[in-house]
């Protein structure tokens, strides 16, 4: 199932595989995760690229004027609020973590603007086993009948039981890419879906 999702998402140029390839370091993933809330991946990636064309380190971000940050990330949802959060985040990394991103869940969620999903994104993309559950992962898991949950946290726990740890790093990208291109929230491409024969929603008509 994951392989089919990956193949279809890559074939259709899913942003999670194309645009996020340029976001590499834990610090970049942390910033991208903060910016991604209520924002399309294309806009997030563009904002991250603009920001990191000007700065490279938490120190440089902490010293940047909030208005300048806001201009660089303009295009993401709530960009002025996020500019303030980014500055707070950078200051905390500098002052409390020696400018390093703490790669522990309990520490990550203490950072300004970083919740459970964002913390798991940073871990997963840093090679530490985690399954970030965003709207795509939550929606598709329920549509396919893998889980019957109402909250992302519940979906995360169930998926961790379904998939072996060795696959956790692939789950988020596969589900997100599939959700961006095929199993969309509105008007999903059910007739073109490689999983249509297994989908409970389609079987129910």
N, C-alpha and C. Protein backbone atom coordinates (compact mmCIF):
# COMPACT_ATOMS: atom_id res chain seq x y z
N UNK A 1 0.82 -1.20 0.00
CA UNK A 1 0.00 0.00 0.00
C UNK A 1 0.87 1.26 0.00
N UNK A 2 1.85 1.30 0.88
CA UNK A 2 2.74 2.46 0.96
C UNK A 2 3.52 2.63 -0.34
N UNK A 3 3.97 1.51 -0.90
CA UNK A 3 4.70 1.58 -2.16
C UNK A 3 3.82 2.14 -3.28
N UNK A 4 2.56 1.71 -3.34
CA UNK A 4 1.63 2.24 -4.35
C UNK A 4 1.42 3.74 -4.17
N UNK A 5 1.25 4.16 -2.93
CA UNK A 5 1.08 5.58 -2.65
C UNK A 5 2.31 6.37 -3.08
N UNK A 6 3.48 5.86 -2.72
CA UNK A 6 4.73 6.55 -3.07
C UNK A 6 4.87 6.68 -4.59
N UNK A 7 4.63 5.58 -5.28
CA UNK A 7 4.80 5.56 -6.73
C UNK A 7 3.85 6.56 -7.39
N UNK A 8 2.58 6.55 -6.95
CA UNK A 8 1.59 7.43 -7.55
C UNK A 8 1.91 8.89 -7.24
N UNK A 9 2.31 9.16 -6.00
CA UNK A 9 2.62 10.53 -5.59
C UNK A 9 3.82 11.08 -6.35
N UNK A 10 4.85 10.25 -6.51
CA UNK A 10 6.04 10.69 -7.25
C UNK A 10 5.71 10.92 -8.73
N UNK A 11 4.92 10.01 -9.29
CA UNK A 11 4.54 10.12 -10.70
C UNK A 11 3.80 11.43 -10.97
N UNK A 12 2.99 11.84 -10.00
CA UNK A 12 2.18 13.04 -10.17
C UNK A 12 2.86 14.31 -9.64
N UNK A 13 4.12 14.17 -9.23
CA UNK A 13 4.87 15.34 -8.78
C UNK A 13 4.39 15.94 -7.48
N UNK A 14 4.07 15.11 -6.51
CA UNK A 14 3.59 15.60 -5.22
C UNK A 14 4.61 16.54 -4.59
N UNK A 15 4.17 17.70 -4.10
CA UNK A 15 5.09 18.68 -3.50
C UNK A 15 5.95 18.11 -2.37
N UNK A 16 5.40 17.17 -1.61
CA UNK A 16 6.18 16.62 -0.49
C UNK A 16 7.45 15.93 -0.97
N UNK A 17 7.44 15.42 -2.21
CA UNK A 17 8.63 14.78 -2.76
C UNK A 17 9.48 15.74 -3.58
N UNK A 18 8.87 16.71 -4.22
CA UNK A 18 9.63 17.60 -5.10
C UNK A 18 10.16 18.83 -4.38
N UNK A 19 9.28 19.56 -3.69
CA UNK A 19 9.69 20.81 -3.08
C UNK A 19 10.45 20.63 -1.78
N UNK A 20 10.05 19.65 -0.98
CA UNK A 20 10.69 19.50 0.32
C UNK A 20 12.08 18.87 0.24
N UNK A 21 12.47 18.45 -0.96
CA UNK A 21 13.81 17.91 -1.11
C UNK A 21 14.88 18.94 -0.83
N UNK A 22 14.50 20.22 -0.90
CA UNK A 22 15.46 21.30 -0.66
C UNK A 22 15.55 21.67 0.81
N UNK A 23 14.70 21.09 1.63
CA UNK A 23 14.71 21.35 3.07
C UNK A 23 15.42 20.18 3.73
N UNK A 24 16.62 20.40 4.24
CA UNK A 24 17.46 19.27 4.64
C UNK A 24 17.82 19.20 6.13
N UNK A 25 18.22 20.31 6.74
CA UNK A 25 18.74 20.26 8.10
C UNK A 25 17.61 20.26 9.12
N UNK A 26 17.88 19.80 10.35
CA UNK A 26 16.84 19.85 11.39
C UNK A 26 16.31 21.26 11.60
N UNK A 27 17.18 22.27 11.52
CA UNK A 27 16.72 23.65 11.70
C UNK A 27 15.77 24.06 10.58
N UNK A 28 16.09 23.69 9.35
CA UNK A 28 15.22 24.00 8.23
C UNK A 28 13.87 23.28 8.36
N UNK A 29 13.92 22.02 8.78
CA UNK A 29 12.67 21.28 8.98
C UNK A 29 11.84 21.88 10.10
N UNK A 30 12.51 22.36 11.14
CA UNK A 30 11.80 22.99 12.26
C UNK A 30 11.08 24.25 11.78
N UNK A 31 11.78 25.08 11.03
CA UNK A 31 11.19 26.31 10.49
C UNK A 31 10.05 25.98 9.53
N UNK A 32 10.28 25.01 8.65
CA UNK A 32 9.24 24.62 7.70
C UNK A 32 8.01 24.08 8.40
N UNK A 33 8.22 23.31 9.46
CA UNK A 33 7.08 22.76 10.20
C UNK A 33 6.25 23.87 10.83
N UNK A 34 6.92 24.88 11.37
CA UNK A 34 6.20 25.99 11.98
C UNK A 34 5.41 26.76 10.92
N UNK A 35 6.02 26.95 9.75
CA UNK A 35 5.37 27.73 8.70
C UNK A 35 4.24 26.99 8.00
N UNK A 36 4.24 25.66 8.08
CA UNK A 36 3.33 24.86 7.26
C UNK A 36 1.87 24.86 7.71
N UNK A 37 1.63 25.26 8.95
CA UNK A 37 0.25 25.24 9.45
C UNK A 37 -0.66 26.11 8.59
N UNK A 38 -1.77 25.52 8.11
CA UNK A 38 -2.75 26.22 7.28
C UNK A 38 -2.12 26.87 6.05
N UNK A 39 -1.16 26.18 5.49
CA UNK A 39 -0.44 26.71 4.33
C UNK A 39 -0.14 25.57 3.37
N UNK A 40 -0.30 25.81 2.08
CA UNK A 40 0.03 24.80 1.08
C UNK A 40 1.53 24.57 1.04
N UNK A 41 1.92 23.34 0.71
CA UNK A 41 3.33 22.98 0.71
C UNK A 41 4.16 23.87 -0.21
N UNK A 42 3.59 24.23 -1.37
CA UNK A 42 4.33 25.08 -2.30
C UNK A 42 4.68 26.42 -1.66
N UNK A 43 3.72 27.01 -0.94
CA UNK A 43 3.94 28.30 -0.29
C UNK A 43 4.95 28.17 0.84
N UNK A 44 4.85 27.06 1.60
CA UNK A 44 5.80 26.82 2.68
C UNK A 44 7.22 26.70 2.14
N UNK A 45 7.40 25.89 1.10
CA UNK A 45 8.73 25.69 0.54
C UNK A 45 9.31 26.99 0.00
N UNK A 46 8.49 27.80 -0.66
CA UNK A 46 8.97 29.08 -1.19
C UNK A 46 9.40 30.01 -0.06
N UNK A 47 8.60 30.04 1.01
CA UNK A 47 8.93 30.89 2.15
C UNK A 47 10.23 30.44 2.81
N UNK A 48 10.39 29.14 2.96
CA UNK A 48 11.62 28.61 3.57
C UNK A 48 12.84 28.96 2.71
N UNK A 49 12.69 28.83 1.41
CA UNK A 49 13.80 29.15 0.50
C UNK A 49 14.17 30.62 0.58
N UNK A 50 13.17 31.49 0.63
CA UNK A 50 13.46 32.93 0.74
C UNK A 50 14.15 33.25 2.06
N UNK A 51 13.64 32.67 3.13
CA UNK A 51 14.20 32.94 4.45
C UNK A 51 15.65 32.46 4.54
N UNK A 52 15.90 31.24 4.05
CA UNK A 52 17.24 30.68 4.18
C UNK A 52 18.21 31.19 3.10
N UNK A 53 17.71 32.02 2.20
CA UNK A 53 18.63 32.72 1.31
C UNK A 53 19.26 33.91 2.04
N UNK A 54 18.66 34.29 3.18
CA UNK A 54 19.14 35.42 3.98
C UNK A 54 19.84 35.00 5.26
N UNK A 55 19.39 33.87 5.82
CA UNK A 55 19.99 33.42 7.09
C UNK A 55 20.32 31.93 6.99
N UNK A 56 21.20 31.49 7.88
CA UNK A 56 21.56 30.07 7.92
C UNK A 56 21.42 29.47 9.33
N UNK A 57 21.53 30.32 10.33
CA UNK A 57 21.61 29.82 11.71
C UNK A 57 20.53 30.44 12.60
N UNK A 58 20.26 29.80 13.75
CA UNK A 58 19.33 30.39 14.71
C UNK A 58 19.78 31.78 15.17
N UNK A 59 21.12 31.98 15.32
CA UNK A 59 21.62 33.29 15.75
C UNK A 59 21.22 34.38 14.76
N UNK A 60 21.38 34.09 13.48
CA UNK A 60 21.05 35.08 12.45
C UNK A 60 19.55 35.36 12.43
N UNK A 61 18.75 34.33 12.63
CA UNK A 61 17.30 34.53 12.66
C UNK A 61 16.88 35.33 13.89
N UNK A 62 17.51 35.06 15.02
CA UNK A 62 17.18 35.76 16.26
C UNK A 62 17.50 37.25 16.17
N UNK A 63 18.52 37.57 15.40
CA UNK A 63 18.94 38.98 15.26
C UNK A 63 18.14 39.72 14.18
N UNK A 64 17.42 39.01 13.35
CA UNK A 64 16.68 39.64 12.26
C UNK A 64 15.46 40.38 12.78
N UNK A 65 15.15 41.51 12.16
CA UNK A 65 13.98 42.29 12.52
C UNK A 65 12.71 41.50 12.18
N UNK A 66 11.74 41.57 13.07
CA UNK A 66 10.50 40.81 12.89
C UNK A 66 9.78 41.18 11.58
N UNK A 67 9.82 42.46 11.22
CA UNK A 67 9.17 42.90 9.98
C UNK A 67 9.86 42.30 8.75
N UNK A 68 11.17 42.17 8.83
CA UNK A 68 11.91 41.59 7.71
C UNK A 68 11.57 40.11 7.56
N UNK A 69 11.46 39.42 8.70
CA UNK A 69 11.06 38.01 8.67
C UNK A 69 9.68 37.88 8.03
N UNK A 70 8.76 38.75 8.45
CA UNK A 70 7.39 38.71 7.92
C UNK A 70 7.37 38.90 6.40
N UNK A 71 8.19 39.82 5.90
CA UNK A 71 8.24 40.04 4.45
C UNK A 71 8.76 38.82 3.72
N UNK A 72 9.75 38.16 4.30
CA UNK A 72 10.35 36.99 3.65
C UNK A 72 9.40 35.80 3.61
N UNK A 73 8.54 35.67 4.63
CA UNK A 73 7.66 34.50 4.68
C UNK A 73 6.24 34.83 4.21
N UNK A 74 6.06 36.04 3.69
CA UNK A 74 4.75 36.45 3.22
C UNK A 74 4.24 35.44 2.20
N UNK A 75 2.99 35.04 2.35
CA UNK A 75 2.43 34.00 1.48
C UNK A 75 1.98 32.79 2.27
N UNK A 76 2.56 32.62 3.47
CA UNK A 76 2.08 31.54 4.34
C UNK A 76 0.96 32.10 5.22
N UNK A 77 0.10 31.22 5.70
CA UNK A 77 -0.99 31.65 6.54
C UNK A 77 -0.51 32.26 7.85
N UNK A 78 -1.16 33.37 8.26
CA UNK A 78 -0.82 34.04 9.52
C UNK A 78 0.67 34.39 9.59
N UNK A 79 1.18 34.94 8.49
CA UNK A 79 2.63 35.14 8.39
C UNK A 79 3.19 36.09 9.44
N UNK A 80 2.40 37.08 9.88
CA UNK A 80 2.91 38.01 10.89
C UNK A 80 3.04 37.32 12.26
N UNK A 81 2.06 36.52 12.59
CA UNK A 81 2.13 35.75 13.85
C UNK A 81 3.31 34.78 13.79
N UNK A 82 3.48 34.14 12.64
CA UNK A 82 4.57 33.16 12.49
C UNK A 82 5.93 33.84 12.50
N UNK A 83 6.01 35.07 12.01
CA UNK A 83 7.28 35.81 12.07
C UNK A 83 7.69 36.03 13.52
N UNK A 84 6.72 36.37 14.36
CA UNK A 84 7.00 36.56 15.78
C UNK A 84 7.42 35.24 16.43
N UNK A 85 6.71 34.15 16.08
CA UNK A 85 7.04 32.84 16.64
C UNK A 85 8.45 32.39 16.20
N UNK A 86 8.80 32.67 14.95
CA UNK A 86 10.12 32.28 14.46
C UNK A 86 11.22 32.98 15.24
N UNK A 87 11.02 34.25 15.50
CA UNK A 87 12.03 35.01 16.26
C UNK A 87 12.14 34.46 17.69
N UNK A 88 10.99 34.16 18.30
CA UNK A 88 10.98 33.58 19.65
C UNK A 88 11.65 32.21 19.65
N UNK A 89 11.36 31.43 18.61
CA UNK A 89 11.94 30.10 18.47
C UNK A 89 13.46 30.19 18.36
N UNK A 90 13.94 31.07 17.51
CA UNK A 90 15.39 31.22 17.32
C UNK A 90 16.07 31.64 18.60
N UNK A 91 15.48 32.59 19.32
CA UNK A 91 16.07 33.05 20.58
C UNK A 91 16.16 31.91 21.59
N UNK A 92 15.12 31.09 21.65
CA UNK A 92 15.14 29.97 22.60
C UNK A 92 16.22 28.96 22.23
N UNK A 93 16.37 28.68 20.94
CA UNK A 93 17.42 27.75 20.51
C UNK A 93 18.79 28.28 20.88
N UNK A 94 19.00 29.58 20.70
CA UNK A 94 20.30 30.19 21.01
C UNK A 94 20.56 30.18 22.51
N UNK A 95 19.56 30.59 23.27
CA UNK A 95 19.75 30.78 24.72
C UNK A 95 19.74 29.48 25.52
N UNK A 96 18.94 28.49 25.07
CA UNK A 96 18.78 27.29 25.89
C UNK A 96 19.35 26.02 25.28
N UNK A 97 19.62 26.04 23.97
CA UNK A 97 20.07 24.80 23.32
C UNK A 97 21.35 24.98 22.51
N UNK A 98 22.09 26.06 22.84
CA UNK A 98 23.37 26.30 22.17
C UNK A 98 23.22 26.30 20.64
N UNK A 99 22.10 26.84 20.18
CA UNK A 99 21.79 26.97 18.75
C UNK A 99 21.60 25.64 18.02
N UNK A 100 21.40 24.57 18.77
CA UNK A 100 21.13 23.26 18.17
C UNK A 100 19.66 22.92 18.32
N UNK A 101 19.12 22.20 17.37
CA UNK A 101 17.74 21.73 17.47
C UNK A 101 17.71 20.48 18.34
N UNK A 102 16.97 20.48 19.45
CA UNK A 102 16.92 19.28 20.30
C UNK A 102 16.12 18.18 19.62
N UNK A 103 16.73 17.06 19.40
CA UNK A 103 16.04 15.98 18.68
C UNK A 103 15.40 14.98 19.65
N UNK A 104 14.62 15.54 20.57
CA UNK A 104 13.82 14.76 21.50
C UNK A 104 12.42 15.36 21.52
N UNK A 105 11.42 14.50 21.43
CA UNK A 105 10.04 14.97 21.34
C UNK A 105 9.68 15.92 22.47
N UNK A 106 9.98 15.54 23.72
CA UNK A 106 9.59 16.35 24.87
C UNK A 106 10.22 17.73 24.86
N UNK A 107 11.40 17.85 24.27
CA UNK A 107 12.06 19.14 24.17
C UNK A 107 11.51 19.96 23.01
N UNK A 108 11.25 19.30 21.91
CA UNK A 108 10.74 20.01 20.74
C UNK A 108 9.41 20.68 21.00
N UNK A 109 8.51 20.00 21.71
CA UNK A 109 7.18 20.58 21.94
C UNK A 109 7.21 21.74 22.94
N UNK A 110 8.35 21.97 23.56
CA UNK A 110 8.49 23.14 24.44
C UNK A 110 8.84 24.40 23.65
N UNK A 111 9.21 24.23 22.39
CA UNK A 111 9.63 25.37 21.57
C UNK A 111 8.41 26.16 21.09
N UNK A 112 8.55 27.49 20.96
CA UNK A 112 7.43 28.32 20.49
C UNK A 112 6.92 27.89 19.12
N UNK A 113 5.61 27.70 19.01
CA UNK A 113 5.00 27.38 17.74
C UNK A 113 5.12 25.93 17.30
N UNK A 114 5.68 25.07 18.14
CA UNK A 114 5.91 23.67 17.76
C UNK A 114 4.99 22.75 18.56
N UNK A 115 4.08 22.08 17.85
CA UNK A 115 3.18 21.13 18.48
C UNK A 115 3.59 19.70 18.18
N UNK A 116 2.71 18.79 18.46
CA UNK A 116 3.01 17.36 18.31
C UNK A 116 3.38 16.98 16.87
N UNK A 117 2.55 17.43 15.91
CA UNK A 117 2.82 17.08 14.52
C UNK A 117 4.15 17.64 14.06
N UNK A 118 4.40 18.92 14.37
CA UNK A 118 5.64 19.56 13.94
C UNK A 118 6.86 18.88 14.56
N UNK A 119 6.75 18.53 15.85
CA UNK A 119 7.86 17.84 16.52
C UNK A 119 8.16 16.51 15.83
N UNK A 120 7.12 15.78 15.49
CA UNK A 120 7.31 14.50 14.82
C UNK A 120 7.87 14.66 13.42
N UNK A 121 7.52 15.75 12.73
CA UNK A 121 8.10 16.03 11.41
C UNK A 121 9.60 16.19 11.53
N UNK A 122 10.04 16.98 12.49
CA UNK A 122 11.48 17.21 12.68
C UNK A 122 12.19 15.90 12.99
N UNK A 123 11.60 15.09 13.85
CA UNK A 123 12.22 13.80 14.20
C UNK A 123 12.29 12.88 12.99
N UNK A 124 11.15 12.73 12.30
CA UNK A 124 11.08 11.80 11.17
C UNK A 124 12.07 12.17 10.07
N UNK A 125 12.16 13.47 9.79
CA UNK A 125 13.04 13.92 8.71
C UNK A 125 14.49 14.04 9.17
N UNK A 126 14.73 13.76 10.44
CA UNK A 126 16.10 13.73 10.96
C UNK A 126 16.56 12.29 11.20
N UNK A 127 15.77 11.34 10.72
CA UNK A 127 16.15 9.93 10.83
C UNK A 127 15.80 9.27 12.14
N UNK A 128 14.93 9.92 12.93
CA UNK A 128 14.50 9.36 14.21
C UNK A 128 13.07 8.84 14.05
N UNK A 129 12.79 7.58 14.39
CA UNK A 129 11.46 7.00 14.14
C UNK A 129 10.31 7.83 14.72
N UNK A 130 9.40 8.21 13.85
CA UNK A 130 8.22 8.98 14.25
C UNK A 130 7.24 8.96 13.08
N UNK A 131 5.96 9.12 13.38
CA UNK A 131 4.94 9.22 12.33
C UNK A 131 4.18 10.53 12.54
N UNK A 132 4.55 11.58 11.82
CA UNK A 132 3.80 12.82 11.92
C UNK A 132 2.41 12.63 11.28
N UNK A 133 1.38 13.06 11.97
CA UNK A 133 0.02 12.93 11.45
C UNK A 133 -0.56 14.31 11.21
N UNK A 134 -0.66 14.67 9.92
CA UNK A 134 -1.32 15.92 9.55
C UNK A 134 -2.70 15.59 9.01
N UNK A 135 -3.35 16.56 8.37
CA UNK A 135 -4.72 16.33 7.89
C UNK A 135 -4.76 15.23 6.82
N UNK A 136 -3.72 15.18 5.95
CA UNK A 136 -3.68 14.14 4.92
C UNK A 136 -3.62 12.74 5.54
N UNK A 137 -2.68 12.56 6.46
CA UNK A 137 -2.48 11.25 7.07
C UNK A 137 -3.74 10.82 7.84
N UNK A 138 -4.31 11.73 8.58
CA UNK A 138 -5.50 11.44 9.38
C UNK A 138 -6.68 11.08 8.47
N UNK A 139 -6.88 11.87 7.43
CA UNK A 139 -8.00 11.65 6.50
C UNK A 139 -7.89 10.32 5.78
N UNK A 140 -6.73 10.07 5.18
CA UNK A 140 -6.56 8.87 4.36
C UNK A 140 -6.59 7.60 5.21
N UNK A 141 -6.02 7.65 6.39
CA UNK A 141 -6.04 6.48 7.28
C UNK A 141 -7.46 6.07 7.60
N UNK A 142 -8.34 7.06 7.79
CA UNK A 142 -9.74 6.77 8.09
C UNK A 142 -10.51 6.38 6.83
N UNK A 143 -10.23 7.02 5.72
CA UNK A 143 -10.91 6.67 4.47
C UNK A 143 -10.63 5.22 4.06
N UNK A 144 -9.40 4.81 4.24
CA UNK A 144 -9.01 3.46 3.85
C UNK A 144 -9.40 2.41 4.89
N UNK A 145 -9.92 2.86 6.01
CA UNK A 145 -10.34 1.92 7.05
C UNK A 145 -9.20 1.35 7.86
N UNK A 146 -8.02 1.96 7.77
CA UNK A 146 -6.90 1.50 8.59
C UNK A 146 -7.16 1.80 10.06
N UNK A 147 -7.83 2.93 10.30
CA UNK A 147 -8.16 3.33 11.66
C UNK A 147 -9.59 3.87 11.68
N UNK A 148 -10.15 3.96 12.85
CA UNK A 148 -11.42 4.66 13.06
C UNK A 148 -11.18 5.61 14.21
N UNK A 149 -10.71 6.80 13.88
CA UNK A 149 -10.31 7.75 14.91
C UNK A 149 -10.91 9.12 14.61
N UNK A 150 -10.95 9.94 15.66
CA UNK A 150 -11.46 11.30 15.49
C UNK A 150 -10.36 12.34 15.68
N UNK A 151 -9.26 11.96 16.31
CA UNK A 151 -8.18 12.91 16.57
C UNK A 151 -6.85 12.41 15.99
N UNK A 152 -6.02 13.33 15.49
CA UNK A 152 -4.72 12.94 14.93
C UNK A 152 -3.84 12.14 15.88
N UNK A 153 -3.91 12.46 17.18
CA UNK A 153 -3.08 11.73 18.16
C UNK A 153 -3.47 10.25 18.20
N UNK A 154 -4.78 9.99 18.09
CA UNK A 154 -5.25 8.61 18.07
C UNK A 154 -4.76 7.89 16.81
N UNK A 155 -4.82 8.61 15.68
CA UNK A 155 -4.35 8.04 14.42
C UNK A 155 -2.87 7.69 14.51
N UNK A 156 -2.09 8.58 15.08
CA UNK A 156 -0.65 8.34 15.24
C UNK A 156 -0.39 7.05 16.02
N UNK A 157 -1.08 6.89 17.13
CA UNK A 157 -0.86 5.70 17.96
C UNK A 157 -1.25 4.42 17.22
N UNK A 158 -2.35 4.47 16.48
CA UNK A 158 -2.80 3.30 15.73
C UNK A 158 -1.83 2.95 14.60
N UNK A 159 -1.37 3.95 13.89
CA UNK A 159 -0.45 3.70 12.78
C UNK A 159 0.88 3.13 13.27
N UNK A 160 1.29 3.53 14.46
CA UNK A 160 2.53 2.99 15.04
C UNK A 160 2.39 1.50 15.34
N UNK A 161 1.16 1.06 15.58
CA UNK A 161 0.92 -0.36 15.83
C UNK A 161 0.81 -1.14 14.52
N UNK A 162 0.35 -0.47 13.47
CA UNK A 162 0.13 -1.13 12.19
C UNK A 162 1.44 -1.31 11.42
N UNK A 163 2.26 -0.25 11.39
CA UNK A 163 3.48 -0.29 10.59
C UNK A 163 4.71 -0.58 11.45
N UNK A 164 5.63 -1.40 10.95
CA UNK A 164 6.87 -1.64 11.69
C UNK A 164 7.69 -0.36 11.77
N UNK A 165 8.49 -0.23 12.81
CA UNK A 165 9.29 0.97 13.01
C UNK A 165 10.16 1.28 11.79
N UNK A 166 10.62 0.25 11.11
CA UNK A 166 11.48 0.44 9.94
C UNK A 166 10.79 1.19 8.80
N UNK A 167 9.45 1.28 8.85
CA UNK A 167 8.70 1.96 7.79
C UNK A 167 8.19 3.34 8.21
N UNK A 168 8.35 3.68 9.47
CA UNK A 168 7.76 4.92 9.96
C UNK A 168 8.21 6.14 9.16
N UNK A 169 9.48 6.14 8.73
CA UNK A 169 9.99 7.32 8.02
C UNK A 169 9.36 7.49 6.64
N UNK A 170 8.71 6.45 6.13
CA UNK A 170 8.08 6.52 4.81
C UNK A 170 6.59 6.85 4.89
N UNK A 171 5.97 6.56 6.01
CA UNK A 171 4.52 6.66 6.12
C UNK A 171 4.02 8.09 5.88
N UNK A 172 4.61 9.06 6.57
CA UNK A 172 4.14 10.43 6.42
C UNK A 172 4.24 10.92 4.98
N UNK A 173 5.41 10.77 4.38
CA UNK A 173 5.60 11.25 3.00
C UNK A 173 4.64 10.56 2.04
N UNK A 174 4.48 9.25 2.19
CA UNK A 174 3.61 8.50 1.29
C UNK A 174 2.16 8.98 1.40
N UNK A 175 1.66 9.11 2.61
CA UNK A 175 0.27 9.53 2.81
C UNK A 175 0.06 10.98 2.38
N UNK A 176 1.02 11.83 2.73
CA UNK A 176 0.90 13.24 2.36
C UNK A 176 0.93 13.41 0.84
N UNK A 177 1.91 12.76 0.20
CA UNK A 177 2.00 12.85 -1.26
C UNK A 177 0.76 12.32 -1.95
N UNK A 178 0.22 11.24 -1.42
CA UNK A 178 -1.01 10.64 -1.98
C UNK A 178 -2.19 11.58 -1.76
N UNK A 179 -2.22 12.21 -0.60
CA UNK A 179 -3.31 13.15 -0.30
C UNK A 179 -3.24 14.41 -1.13
N UNK A 180 -2.03 14.83 -1.47
CA UNK A 180 -1.86 16.03 -2.29
C UNK A 180 -2.29 15.80 -3.74
N UNK A 181 -2.17 14.56 -4.21
CA UNK A 181 -2.34 14.31 -5.64
C UNK A 181 -3.55 13.45 -6.01
N UNK A 182 -3.94 12.50 -5.15
CA UNK A 182 -5.00 11.55 -5.50
C UNK A 182 -6.15 11.60 -4.49
N UNK A 183 -5.87 11.24 -3.26
CA UNK A 183 -6.91 11.16 -2.23
C UNK A 183 -7.10 12.52 -1.57
N UNK A 184 -7.52 13.48 -2.38
CA UNK A 184 -7.64 14.86 -1.94
C UNK A 184 -8.82 15.04 -0.98
N UNK A 185 -8.79 16.10 -0.18
CA UNK A 185 -9.90 16.31 0.76
C UNK A 185 -11.21 16.58 0.05
N UNK A 186 -11.15 17.30 -1.08
CA UNK A 186 -12.34 17.59 -1.88
C UNK A 186 -12.11 17.04 -3.28
N UNK A 187 -13.11 16.37 -3.81
CA UNK A 187 -13.04 15.77 -5.15
C UNK A 187 -11.82 14.85 -5.32
N UNK A 188 -11.71 13.82 -4.47
CA UNK A 188 -10.61 12.86 -4.65
C UNK A 188 -10.73 12.14 -5.99
N UNK A 189 -9.59 11.75 -6.55
CA UNK A 189 -9.58 11.10 -7.87
C UNK A 189 -9.79 9.60 -7.72
N UNK A 190 -10.96 9.24 -7.25
CA UNK A 190 -11.25 7.83 -6.93
C UNK A 190 -11.11 6.91 -8.15
N UNK A 191 -11.53 7.37 -9.32
CA UNK A 191 -11.46 6.54 -10.52
C UNK A 191 -10.03 6.24 -10.95
N UNK A 192 -9.10 7.09 -10.51
CA UNK A 192 -7.70 6.91 -10.89
C UNK A 192 -6.86 6.32 -9.76
N UNK A 193 -7.49 6.02 -8.64
CA UNK A 193 -6.77 5.58 -7.45
C UNK A 193 -6.34 4.12 -7.56
N UNK A 194 -5.05 3.83 -7.32
CA UNK A 194 -4.58 2.45 -7.37
C UNK A 194 -5.07 1.60 -6.20
N UNK A 195 -5.68 2.25 -5.21
CA UNK A 195 -6.20 1.53 -4.04
C UNK A 195 -7.73 1.46 -4.05
N UNK A 196 -8.35 1.78 -5.19
CA UNK A 196 -9.82 1.86 -5.23
C UNK A 196 -10.50 0.54 -4.89
N UNK A 197 -9.87 -0.59 -5.24
CA UNK A 197 -10.50 -1.89 -4.96
C UNK A 197 -10.49 -2.23 -3.47
N UNK A 198 -9.63 -1.53 -2.72
CA UNK A 198 -9.51 -1.81 -1.29
C UNK A 198 -10.22 -0.75 -0.44
N UNK A 199 -10.72 0.29 -1.07
CA UNK A 199 -11.24 1.43 -0.31
C UNK A 199 -12.68 1.18 0.20
N UNK A 200 -12.89 1.17 1.50
CA UNK A 200 -14.23 0.95 2.06
C UNK A 200 -15.23 2.02 1.61
N UNK A 201 -14.78 3.23 1.43
CA UNK A 201 -15.68 4.32 1.00
C UNK A 201 -16.28 4.02 -0.36
N UNK A 202 -15.44 3.51 -1.27
CA UNK A 202 -15.93 3.19 -2.60
C UNK A 202 -16.83 1.96 -2.59
N UNK A 203 -16.48 1.00 -1.76
CA UNK A 203 -17.29 -0.22 -1.67
C UNK A 203 -18.69 0.09 -1.13
N UNK A 204 -18.75 1.13 -0.28
CA UNK A 204 -20.05 1.50 0.27
C UNK A 204 -20.88 2.29 -0.74
N UNK A 205 -20.20 2.69 -1.84
CA UNK A 205 -20.89 3.48 -2.86
C UNK A 205 -21.03 4.91 -2.48
